[in-house]
PDB file of N, CA and C in Angstrom:
ATOM      1  N   UNK A   1      49.745  23.488   6.656  1.00  0.00           N
ATOM      2  CA  UNK A   1      51.106  23.563   7.179  1.00  0.00           C
ATOM      3  C   UNK A   1      51.697  22.157   7.177  1.00  0.00           C
ATOM      4  N   UNK A   2      52.929  22.057   6.691  1.00  0.00           N
ATOM      5  CA  UNK A   2      53.624  20.773   6.669  1.00  0.00           C
ATOM      6  C   UNK A   2      54.343  20.588   7.997  1.00  0.00           C
ATOM      7  N   UNK A   3      54.149  19.414   8.592  1.00  0.00           N
ATOM      8  CA  UNK A   3      54.820  19.047   9.841  1.00  0.00           C
ATOM      9  C   UNK A   3      55.660  17.808   9.587  1.00  0.00           C
ATOM     10  N   UNK A   4      56.900  17.823  10.080  1.00  0.00           N
ATOM     11  CA  UNK A   4      57.747  16.648   9.901  1.00  0.00           C
ATOM     12  C   UNK A   4      58.772  16.539  11.024  1.00  0.00           C
ATOM     13  N   UNK A   5      59.140  15.311  11.320  1.00  0.00           N
ATOM     14  CA  UNK A   5      60.191  15.077  12.308  1.00  0.00           C
ATOM     15  C   UNK A   5      61.575  15.178  11.680  1.00  0.00           C
ATOM     16  N   UNK A   6      61.633  15.210  10.356  1.00  0.00           N
ATOM     17  CA  UNK A   6      62.918  15.290   9.667  1.00  0.00           C
ATOM     18  C   UNK A   6      63.420  16.732   9.638  1.00  0.00           C
ATOM     19  N   UNK A   7      64.723  16.938   9.458  1.00  0.00           N
ATOM     20  CA  UNK A   7      65.262  18.297   9.468  1.00  0.00           C
ATOM     21  C   UNK A   7      65.003  19.080   8.181  1.00  0.00           C
ATOM     22  N   UNK A   8      64.517  18.414   7.154  1.00  0.00           N
ATOM     23  CA  UNK A   8      64.222  19.074   5.886  1.00  0.00           C
ATOM     24  C   UNK A   8      63.083  18.345   5.204  1.00  0.00           C
ATOM     25  N   UNK A   9      62.511  18.982   4.191  1.00  0.00           N
ATOM     26  CA  UNK A   9      61.417  18.395   3.432  1.00  0.00           C
ATOM     27  C   UNK A   9      61.909  18.220   2.001  1.00  0.00           C
ATOM     28  N   UNK A  10      61.969  16.976   1.580  1.00  0.00           N
ATOM     29  CA  UNK A  10      62.522  16.672   0.259  1.00  0.00           C
ATOM     30  C   UNK A  10      61.814  17.469  -0.833  1.00  0.00           C
ATOM     31  N   UNK A  11      62.611  18.125  -1.680  1.00  0.00           N
ATOM     32  CA  UNK A  11      62.068  18.895  -2.780  1.00  0.00           C
ATOM     33  C   UNK A  11      61.602  20.294  -2.401  1.00  0.00           C
ATOM     34  N   UNK A  12      61.743  20.657  -1.124  1.00  0.00           N
ATOM     35  CA  UNK A  12      61.315  21.982  -0.656  1.00  0.00           C
ATOM     36  C   UNK A  12      62.424  22.603   0.181  1.00  0.00           C
ATOM     37  N   UNK A  13      63.298  23.380  -0.445  1.00  0.00           N
ATOM     38  CA  UNK A  13      64.375  23.982   0.339  1.00  0.00           C
ATOM     39  C   UNK A  13      63.822  24.993   1.350  1.00  0.00           C
ATOM     40  N   UNK A  14      64.474  25.078   2.477  1.00  0.00           N
ATOM     41  CA  UNK A  14      64.089  26.057   3.491  1.00  0.00           C
ATOM     42  C   UNK A  14      64.562  27.430   3.016  1.00  0.00           C
ATOM     43  N   UNK A  15      63.619  28.350   2.887  1.00  0.00           N
ATOM     44  CA  UNK A  15      63.929  29.708   2.443  1.00  0.00           C
ATOM     45  C   UNK A  15      64.232  30.627   3.614  1.00  0.00           C
ATOM     46  N   UNK A  16      63.601  30.324   4.748  1.00  0.00           N
ATOM     47  CA  UNK A  16      63.786  31.190   5.916  1.00  0.00           C
ATOM     48  C   UNK A  16      63.477  30.400   7.195  1.00  0.00           C
ATOM     49  N   UNK A  17      64.336  30.570   8.183  1.00  0.00           N
ATOM     50  CA  UNK A  17      64.113  29.975   9.499  1.00  0.00           C
ATOM     51  C   UNK A  17      63.461  31.027  10.387  1.00  0.00           C
ATOM     52  N   UNK A  18      62.328  30.699  10.973  1.00  0.00           N
ATOM     53  CA  UNK A  18      61.589  31.649  11.808  1.00  0.00           C
ATOM     54  C   UNK A  18      61.869  31.468  13.299  1.00  0.00           C
ATOM     55  N   UNK A  19      62.343  30.297  13.693  1.00  0.00           N
ATOM     56  CA  UNK A  19      62.673  30.066  15.096  1.00  0.00           C
ATOM     57  C   UNK A  19      62.014  28.824  15.663  1.00  0.00           C
ATOM     58  N   UNK A  20      62.365  28.539  16.884  1.00  0.00           N
ATOM     59  CA  UNK A  20      61.831  27.369  17.591  1.00  0.00           C
ATOM     60  C   UNK A  20      60.414  27.680  18.065  1.00  0.00           C
ATOM     61  N   UNK A  21      59.529  26.720  17.862  1.00  0.00           N
ATOM     62  CA  UNK A  21      58.155  26.844  18.350  1.00  0.00           C
ATOM     63  C   UNK A  21      57.818  25.626  19.199  1.00  0.00           C
ATOM     64  N   UNK A  22      56.935  25.831  20.171  1.00  0.00           N
ATOM     65  CA  UNK A  22      56.539  24.739  21.052  1.00  0.00           C
ATOM     66  C   UNK A  22      55.027  24.759  21.265  1.00  0.00           C
ATOM     67  N   UNK A  23      54.540  23.656  21.707  1.00  0.00           N
ATOM     68  CA  UNK A  23      53.150  23.525  22.140  1.00  0.00           C
ATOM     69  C   UNK A  23      53.142  22.593  23.326  1.00  0.00           C
ATOM     70  N   UNK A  24      52.425  22.973  24.366  1.00  0.00           N
ATOM     71  CA  UNK A  24      52.399  22.169  25.588  1.00  0.00           C
ATOM     72  C   UNK A  24      50.953  21.873  25.986  1.00  0.00           C
ATOM     73  N   UNK A  25      50.737  20.671  26.469  1.00  0.00           N
ATOM     74  CA  UNK A  25      49.428  20.293  26.975  1.00  0.00           C
ATOM     75  C   UNK A  25      49.623  19.497  28.251  1.00  0.00           C
ATOM     76  N   UNK A  26      48.855  19.858  29.258  1.00  0.00           N
ATOM     77  CA  UNK A  26      48.830  19.076  30.499  1.00  0.00           C
ATOM     78  C   UNK A  26      47.397  18.632  30.689  1.00  0.00           C
ATOM     79  N   UNK A  27      47.218  17.333  30.821  1.00  0.00           N
ATOM     80  CA  UNK A  27      45.879  16.777  30.896  1.00  0.00           C
ATOM     81  C   UNK A  27      45.835  15.724  32.002  1.00  0.00           C
ATOM     82  N   UNK A  28      44.737  15.687  32.706  1.00  0.00           N
ATOM     83  CA  UNK A  28      44.574  14.723  33.791  1.00  0.00           C
ATOM     84  C   UNK A  28      43.790  13.514  33.344  1.00  0.00           C
ATOM     85  N   UNK A  29      44.050  12.413  33.968  1.00  0.00           N
ATOM     86  CA  UNK A  29      43.277  11.182  33.747  1.00  0.00           C
ATOM     87  C   UNK A  29      42.471  10.960  35.017  1.00  0.00           C
ATOM     88  N   UNK A  30      41.166  10.855  34.874  1.00  0.00           N
ATOM     89  CA  UNK A  30      40.333  10.759  36.074  1.00  0.00           C
ATOM     90  C   UNK A  30      40.351   9.368  36.688  1.00  0.00           C
ATOM     91  N   UNK A  31      39.812   9.257  37.867  1.00  0.00           N
ATOM     92  CA  UNK A  31      39.832   8.006  38.634  1.00  0.00           C
ATOM     93  C   UNK A  31      39.093   6.885  37.917  1.00  0.00           C
ATOM     94  N   UNK A  32      38.026   7.202  37.202  1.00  0.00           N
ATOM     95  CA  UNK A  32      37.264   6.192  36.472  1.00  0.00           C
ATOM     96  C   UNK A  32      38.142   5.516  35.423  1.00  0.00           C
ATOM     97  N   UNK A  33      38.881   6.338  34.660  1.00  0.00           N
ATOM     98  CA  UNK A  33      39.795   5.783  33.654  1.00  0.00           C
ATOM     99  C   UNK A  33      40.891   4.980  34.335  1.00  0.00           C
ATOM    100  N   UNK A  34      41.413   5.477  35.478  1.00  0.00           N
ATOM    101  CA  UNK A  34      42.457   4.764  36.210  1.00  0.00           C
ATOM    102  C   UNK A  34      41.978   3.385  36.643  1.00  0.00           C
ATOM    103  N   UNK A  35      40.743   3.310  37.108  1.00  0.00           N
ATOM    104  CA  UNK A  35      40.185   2.039  37.581  1.00  0.00           C
ATOM    105  C   UNK A  35      40.156   1.013  36.449  1.00  0.00           C
ATOM    106  N   UNK A  36      39.599   1.409  35.312  1.00  0.00           N
ATOM    107  CA  UNK A  36      39.498   0.465  34.196  1.00  0.00           C
ATOM    108  C   UNK A  36      40.857   0.161  33.574  1.00  0.00           C
ATOM    109  N   UNK A  37      41.763   1.106  33.605  1.00  0.00           N
ATOM    110  CA  UNK A  37      43.119   0.830  33.114  1.00  0.00           C
ATOM    111  C   UNK A  37      43.795  -0.199  34.013  1.00  0.00           C
ATOM    112  N   UNK A  38      43.552  -0.116  35.331  1.00  0.00           N
ATOM    113  CA  UNK A  38      44.098  -1.102  36.263  1.00  0.00           C
ATOM    114  C   UNK A  38      43.583  -2.495  35.970  1.00  0.00           C
ATOM    115  N   UNK A  39      42.307  -2.593  35.639  1.00  0.00           N
ATOM    116  CA  UNK A  39      41.734  -3.899  35.281  1.00  0.00           C
ATOM    117  C   UNK A  39      42.399  -4.419  34.007  1.00  0.00           C
ATOM    118  N   UNK A  40      42.614  -3.544  33.038  1.00  0.00           N
ATOM    119  CA  UNK A  40      43.284  -3.954  31.798  1.00  0.00           C
ATOM    120  C   UNK A  40      44.691  -4.472  32.087  1.00  0.00           C
ATOM    121  N   UNK A  41      45.387  -3.818  33.039  1.00  0.00           N
ATOM    122  CA  UNK A  41      46.734  -4.265  33.393  1.00  0.00           C
ATOM    123  C   UNK A  41      46.708  -5.691  33.934  1.00  0.00           C
ATOM    124  N   UNK A  42      45.667  -6.028  34.668  1.00  0.00           N
ATOM    125  CA  UNK A  42      45.565  -7.365  35.272  1.00  0.00           C
ATOM    126  C   UNK A  42      45.195  -8.411  34.224  1.00  0.00           C
ATOM    127  N   UNK A  43      44.199  -8.117  33.387  1.00  0.00           N
ATOM    128  CA  UNK A  43      43.709  -9.116  32.434  1.00  0.00           C
ATOM    129  C   UNK A  43      44.373  -9.015  31.063  1.00  0.00           C
ATOM    130  N   UNK A  44      45.115  -7.950  30.839  1.00  0.00           N
ATOM    131  CA  UNK A  44      45.791  -7.775  29.556  1.00  0.00           C
ATOM    132  C   UNK A  44      44.973  -6.946  28.586  1.00  0.00           C
ATOM    133  N   UNK A  45      45.608  -6.519  27.544  1.00  0.00           N
ATOM    134  CA  UNK A  45      44.922  -5.720  26.531  1.00  0.00           C
ATOM    135  C   UNK A  45      45.336  -4.263  26.581  1.00  0.00           C
ATOM    136  N   UNK A  46      44.805  -3.529  25.643  1.00  0.00           N
ATOM    137  CA  UNK A  46      45.128  -2.111  25.520  1.00  0.00           C
ATOM    138  C   UNK A  46      44.141  -1.276  26.322  1.00  0.00           C
ATOM    139  N   UNK A  47      44.611  -0.128  26.768  1.00  0.00           N
ATOM    140  CA  UNK A  47      43.755   0.796  27.490  1.00  0.00           C
ATOM    141  C   UNK A  47      43.286   1.884  26.542  1.00  0.00           C
ATOM    142  N   UNK A  48      42.105   1.692  25.984  1.00  0.00           N
ATOM    143  CA  UNK A  48      41.556   2.645  25.029  1.00  0.00           C
ATOM    144  C   UNK A  48      41.377   4.028  25.622  1.00  0.00           C
ATOM    145  N   UNK A  49      41.006   4.098  26.898  1.00  0.00           N
ATOM    146  CA  UNK A  49      40.795   5.395  27.544  1.00  0.00           C
ATOM    147  C   UNK A  49      42.094   6.184  27.606  1.00  0.00           C
ATOM    148  N   UNK A  50      43.185   5.537  28.005  1.00  0.00           N
ATOM    149  CA  UNK A  50      44.464   6.233  28.075  1.00  0.00           C
ATOM    150  C   UNK A  50      44.993   6.579  26.686  1.00  0.00           C
ATOM    151  N   UNK A  51      44.793   5.689  25.727  1.00  0.00           N
ATOM    152  CA  UNK A  51      45.232   5.974  24.371  1.00  0.00           C
ATOM    153  C   UNK A  51      44.517   7.200  23.820  1.00  0.00           C
ATOM    154  N   UNK A  52      43.232   7.325  24.112  1.00  0.00           N
ATOM    155  CA  UNK A  52      42.472   8.483  23.656  1.00  0.00           C
ATOM    156  C   UNK A  52      43.011   9.767  24.297  1.00  0.00           C
ATOM    157  N   UNK A  53      43.313   9.722  25.591  1.00  0.00           N
ATOM    158  CA  UNK A  53      43.863  10.888  26.288  1.00  0.00           C
ATOM    159  C   UNK A  53      45.212  11.272  25.684  1.00  0.00           C
ATOM    160  N   UNK A  54      46.054  10.288  25.395  1.00  0.00           N
ATOM    161  CA  UNK A  54      47.361  10.557  24.779  1.00  0.00           C
ATOM    162  C   UNK A  54      47.212  11.226  23.415  1.00  0.00           C
ATOM    163  N   UNK A  55      46.299  10.704  22.594  1.00  0.00           N
ATOM    164  CA  UNK A  55      46.076  11.286  21.267  1.00  0.00           C
ATOM    165  C   UNK A  55      45.578  12.724  21.370  1.00  0.00           C
ATOM    166  N   UNK A  56      44.629  12.959  22.284  1.00  0.00           N
ATOM    167  CA  UNK A  56      44.090  14.312  22.454  1.00  0.00           C
ATOM    168  C   UNK A  56      45.185  15.290  22.885  1.00  0.00           C
ATOM    169  N   UNK A  57      46.011  14.869  23.817  1.00  0.00           N
ATOM    170  CA  UNK A  57      47.087  15.739  24.303  1.00  0.00           C
ATOM    171  C   UNK A  57      48.101  16.015  23.202  1.00  0.00           C
ATOM    172  N   UNK A  58      48.447  14.996  22.442  1.00  0.00           N
ATOM    173  CA  UNK A  58      49.395  15.171  21.326  1.00  0.00           C
ATOM    174  C   UNK A  58      48.821  16.113  20.277  1.00  0.00           C
ATOM    175  N   UNK A  59      47.570  15.892  19.889  1.00  0.00           N
ATOM    176  CA  UNK A  59      46.942  16.734  18.872  1.00  0.00           C
ATOM    177  C   UNK A  59      46.843  18.189  19.330  1.00  0.00           C
ATOM    178  N   UNK A  60      46.503  18.400  20.590  1.00  0.00           N
ATOM    179  CA  UNK A  60      46.406  19.760  21.128  1.00  0.00           C
ATOM    180  C   UNK A  60      47.768  20.445  21.115  1.00  0.00           C
ATOM    181  N   UNK A  61      48.813  19.723  21.505  1.00  0.00           N
ATOM    182  CA  UNK A  61      50.167  20.287  21.505  1.00  0.00           C
ATOM    183  C   UNK A  61      50.610  20.663  20.094  1.00  0.00           C
ATOM    184  N   UNK A  62      50.335  19.798  19.128  1.00  0.00           N
ATOM    185  CA  UNK A  62      50.706  20.084  17.743  1.00  0.00           C
ATOM    186  C   UNK A  62      49.936  21.290  17.202  1.00  0.00           C
ATOM    187  N   UNK A  63      48.646  21.381  17.523  1.00  0.00           N
ATOM    188  CA  UNK A  63      47.846  22.521  17.070  1.00  0.00           C
ATOM    189  C   UNK A  63      48.371  23.831  17.648  1.00  0.00           C
ATOM    190  N   UNK A  64      48.712  23.804  18.938  1.00  0.00           N
ATOM    191  CA  UNK A  64      49.260  24.995  19.589  1.00  0.00           C
ATOM    192  C   UNK A  64      50.582  25.407  18.946  1.00  0.00           C
ATOM    193  N   UNK A  65      51.440  24.432  18.651  1.00  0.00           N
ATOM    194  CA  UNK A  65      52.717  24.708  18.024  1.00  0.00           C
ATOM    195  C   UNK A  65      52.513  25.288  16.614  1.00  0.00           C
ATOM    196  N   UNK A  66      51.560  24.733  15.862  1.00  0.00           N
ATOM    197  CA  UNK A  66      51.282  25.249  14.522  1.00  0.00           C
ATOM    198  C   UNK A  66      50.787  26.691  14.577  1.00  0.00           C
ATOM    199  N   UNK A  67      49.951  27.007  15.548  1.00  0.00           N
ATOM    200  CA  UNK A  67      49.443  28.374  15.681  1.00  0.00           C
ATOM    201  C   UNK A  67      50.594  29.349  15.944  1.00  0.00           C
ATOM    202  N   UNK A  68      51.523  28.956  16.787  1.00  0.00           N
ATOM    203  CA  UNK A  68      52.680  29.810  17.057  1.00  0.00           C
ATOM    204  C   UNK A  68      53.538  29.987  15.801  1.00  0.00           C
ATOM    205  N   UNK A  69      53.669  28.929  15.013  1.00  0.00           N
ATOM    206  CA  UNK A  69      54.444  29.024  13.771  1.00  0.00           C
ATOM    207  C   UNK A  69      53.752  29.949  12.775  1.00  0.00           C
ATOM    208  N   UNK A  70      52.427  29.853  12.669  1.00  0.00           N
ATOM    209  CA  UNK A  70      51.673  30.742  11.777  1.00  0.00           C
ATOM    210  C   UNK A  70      51.863  32.204  12.170  1.00  0.00           C
ATOM    211  N   UNK A  71      51.866  32.462  13.460  1.00  0.00           N
ATOM    212  CA  UNK A  71      52.050  33.832  13.943  1.00  0.00           C
ATOM    213  C   UNK A  71      53.410  34.396  13.533  1.00  0.00           C
ATOM    214  N   UNK A  72      54.382  33.509  13.345  1.00  0.00           N
ATOM    215  CA  UNK A  72      55.718  33.931  12.907  1.00  0.00           C
ATOM    216  C   UNK A  72      55.821  34.035  11.386  1.00  0.00           C
ATOM    217  N   UNK A  73      54.769  33.619  10.676  1.00  0.00           N
ATOM    218  CA  UNK A  73      54.793  33.667   9.213  1.00  0.00           C
ATOM    219  C   UNK A  73      55.330  32.404   8.569  1.00  0.00           C
ATOM    220  N   UNK A  74      55.422  31.315   9.330  1.00  0.00           N
ATOM    221  CA  UNK A  74      55.947  30.050   8.799  1.00  0.00           C
ATOM    222  C   UNK A  74      54.845  29.274   8.079  1.00  0.00           C
ATOM    223  N   UNK A  75      55.263  28.399   7.172  1.00  0.00           N
ATOM    224  CA  UNK A  75      54.307  27.508   6.514  1.00  0.00           C
ATOM    225  C   UNK A  75      54.684  26.037   6.683  1.00  0.00           C
ATOM    226  N   UNK A  76      55.682  25.778   7.531  1.00  0.00           N
ATOM    227  CA  UNK A  76      56.079  24.400   7.836  1.00  0.00           C
ATOM    228  C   UNK A  76      56.845  24.385   9.159  1.00  0.00           C
ATOM    229  N   UNK A  77      56.887  23.199   9.758  1.00  0.00           N
ATOM    230  CA  UNK A  77      57.687  22.996  10.968  1.00  0.00           C
ATOM    231  C   UNK A  77      58.501  21.730  10.753  1.00  0.00           C
ATOM    232  N   UNK A  78      59.821  21.849  10.902  1.00  0.00           N
ATOM    233  CA  UNK A  78      60.722  20.712  10.712  1.00  0.00           C
ATOM    234  C   UNK A  78      61.349  20.318  12.044  1.00  0.00           C
ATOM    235  N   UNK A  79      61.884  19.111  12.086  1.00  0.00           N
ATOM    236  CA  UNK A  79      62.599  18.650  13.276  1.00  0.00           C
ATOM    237  C   UNK A  79      61.707  18.505  14.495  1.00  0.00           C
ATOM    238  N   UNK A  80      60.463  18.118  14.308  1.00  0.00           N
ATOM    239  CA  UNK A  80      59.518  18.032  15.426  1.00  0.00           C
ATOM    240  C   UNK A  80      59.899  16.900  16.369  1.00  0.00           C
ATOM    241  N   UNK A  81      59.825  17.208  17.657  1.00  0.00           N
ATOM    242  CA  UNK A  81      60.068  16.227  18.713  1.00  0.00           C
ATOM    243  C   UNK A  81      58.864  16.255  19.652  1.00  0.00           C
ATOM    244  N   UNK A  82      58.367  15.087  20.002  1.00  0.00           N
ATOM    245  CA  UNK A  82      57.269  14.960  20.966  1.00  0.00           C
ATOM    246  C   UNK A  82      57.803  14.308  22.233  1.00  0.00           C
ATOM    247  N   UNK A  83      57.504  14.927  23.363  1.00  0.00           N
ATOM    248  CA  UNK A  83      57.918  14.375  24.653  1.00  0.00           C
ATOM    249  C   UNK A  83      56.690  14.160  25.524  1.00  0.00           C
ATOM    250  N   UNK A  84      56.687  13.041  26.234  1.00  0.00           N
ATOM    251  CA  UNK A  84      55.591  12.685  27.130  1.00  0.00           C
ATOM    252  C   UNK A  84      56.155  12.515  28.538  1.00  0.00           C
ATOM    253  N   UNK A  85      55.526  13.147  29.522  1.00  0.00           N
ATOM    254  CA  UNK A  85      55.962  13.046  30.916  1.00  0.00           C
ATOM    255  C   UNK A  85      54.741  12.974  31.817  1.00  0.00           C
ATOM    256  N   UNK A  86      54.873  12.285  32.929  1.00  0.00           N
ATOM    257  CA  UNK A  86      53.836  12.343  33.961  1.00  0.00           C
ATOM    258  C   UNK A  86      54.305  13.311  35.030  1.00  0.00           C
ATOM    259  N   UNK A  87      53.383  14.113  35.511  1.00  0.00           N
ATOM    260  CA  UNK A  87      53.701  15.114  36.519  1.00  0.00           C
ATOM    261  C   UNK A  87      52.569  15.175  37.541  1.00  0.00           C
ATOM    262  N   UNK A  88      52.775  15.962  38.573  1.00  0.00           N
ATOM    263  CA  UNK A  88      51.734  16.183  39.569  1.00  0.00           C
ATOM    264  C   UNK A  88      51.773  15.161  40.685  1.00  0.00           C
ATOM    265  N   UNK A  89      50.877  15.366  41.609  1.00  0.00           N
ATOM    266  CA  UNK A  89      50.780  14.482  42.766  1.00  0.00           C
ATOM    267  C   UNK A  89      50.419  13.075  42.295  1.00  0.00           C
ATOM    268  N   UNK A  90      51.215  12.110  42.681  1.00  0.00           N
ATOM    269  CA  UNK A  90      51.030  10.700  42.303  1.00  0.00           C
ATOM    270  C   UNK A  90      51.031  10.520  40.783  1.00  0.00           C
ATOM    271  N   UNK A  91      51.773  11.382  40.081  1.00  0.00           N
ATOM    272  CA  UNK A  91      51.856  11.301  38.616  1.00  0.00           C
ATOM    273  C   UNK A  91      50.479  11.241  37.959  1.00  0.00           C
ATOM    274  N   UNK A  92      49.554  12.054  38.431  1.00  0.00           N
ATOM    275  CA  UNK A  92      48.175  12.005  37.968  1.00  0.00           C
ATOM    276  C   UNK A  92      47.927  12.834  36.707  1.00  0.00           C
ATOM    277  N   UNK A  93      48.927  13.564  36.257  1.00  0.00           N
ATOM    278  CA  UNK A  93      48.762  14.411  35.081  1.00  0.00           C
ATOM    279  C   UNK A  93      49.757  13.978  33.999  1.00  0.00           C
ATOM    280  N   UNK A  94      49.338  14.138  32.774  1.00  0.00           N
ATOM    281  CA  UNK A  94      50.197  13.829  31.631  1.00  0.00           C
ATOM    282  C   UNK A  94      50.542  15.131  30.932  1.00  0.00           C
ATOM    283  N   UNK A  95      51.833  15.339  30.668  1.00  0.00           N
ATOM    284  CA  UNK A  95      52.278  16.514  29.937  1.00  0.00           C
ATOM    285  C   UNK A  95      52.850  16.057  28.599  1.00  0.00           C
ATOM    286  N   UNK A  96      52.372  16.666  27.542  1.00  0.00           N
ATOM    287  CA  UNK A  96      52.892  16.405  26.205  1.00  0.00           C
ATOM    288  C   UNK A  96      53.447  17.715  25.673  1.00  0.00           C
ATOM    289  N   UNK A  97      54.688  17.679  25.231  1.00  0.00           N
ATOM    290  CA  UNK A  97      55.339  18.853  24.679  1.00  0.00           C
ATOM    291  C   UNK A  97      55.774  18.550  23.251  1.00  0.00           C
ATOM    292  N   UNK A  98      55.405  19.442  22.337  1.00  0.00           N
ATOM    293  CA  UNK A  98      55.843  19.342  20.951  1.00  0.00           C
ATOM    294  C   UNK A  98      56.754  20.523  20.674  1.00  0.00           C
ATOM    295  N   UNK A  99      57.892  20.277  20.033  1.00  0.00           N
ATOM    296  CA  UNK A  99      58.793  21.379  19.672  1.00  0.00           C
ATOM    297  C   UNK A  99      59.371  21.113  18.286  1.00  0.00           C
ATOM    298  N   UNK A 100      59.685  22.190  17.609  1.00  0.00           N
ATOM    299  CA  UNK A 100      60.259  22.088  16.272  1.00  0.00           C
ATOM    300  C   UNK A 100      60.731  23.453  15.805  1.00  0.00           C
ATOM    301  N   UNK A 101      61.196  23.512  14.585  1.00  0.00           N
ATOM    302  CA  UNK A 101      61.673  24.756  13.994  1.00  0.00           C
ATOM    303  C   UNK A 101      60.692  25.220  12.934  1.00  0.00           C
ATOM    304  N   UNK A 102      60.154  26.425  13.136  1.00  0.00           N
ATOM    305  CA  UNK A 102      59.234  27.026  12.174  1.00  0.00           C
ATOM    306  C   UNK A 102      60.047  27.553  11.004  1.00  0.00           C
ATOM    307  N   UNK A 103      59.615  27.214   9.784  1.00  0.00           N
ATOM    308  CA  UNK A 103      60.342  27.619   8.573  1.00  0.00           C
ATOM    309  C   UNK A 103      59.378  28.066   7.484  1.00  0.00           C
ATOM    310  N   UNK A 104      59.938  28.755   6.508  1.00  0.00           N
ATOM    311  CA  UNK A 104      59.223  29.064   5.272  1.00  0.00           C
ATOM    312  C   UNK A 104      59.882  28.231   4.183  1.00  0.00           C
ATOM    313  N   UNK A 105      59.059  27.483   3.457  1.00  0.00           N
ATOM    314  CA  UNK A 105      59.579  26.652   2.364  1.00  0.00           C
ATOM    315  C   UNK A 105      59.048  27.164   1.039  1.00  0.00           C
TER     316      UNK A 105
END
């Protein structure tokens, strides 16, 4: 399945629009990761633990969205948008939402 943030795929006209599809993931970051991320904030550098959680949440959301598009008979998703939000008590959870338009090309 072709995924793109653009509204069209060069050289592949859209033959049929199947509708809007979404994928959502809510994932928590545990206290251990929070502790080491806090240390990184003080001494500088990247937080590998948080980056890994972000990638996992994004990948899960995209997979869920692709499955919904397949169920509609689509073979591509155009106009994809990814949104990241913190939710829950003390913003302890990360929500990643992927949305786009399922199409047949």
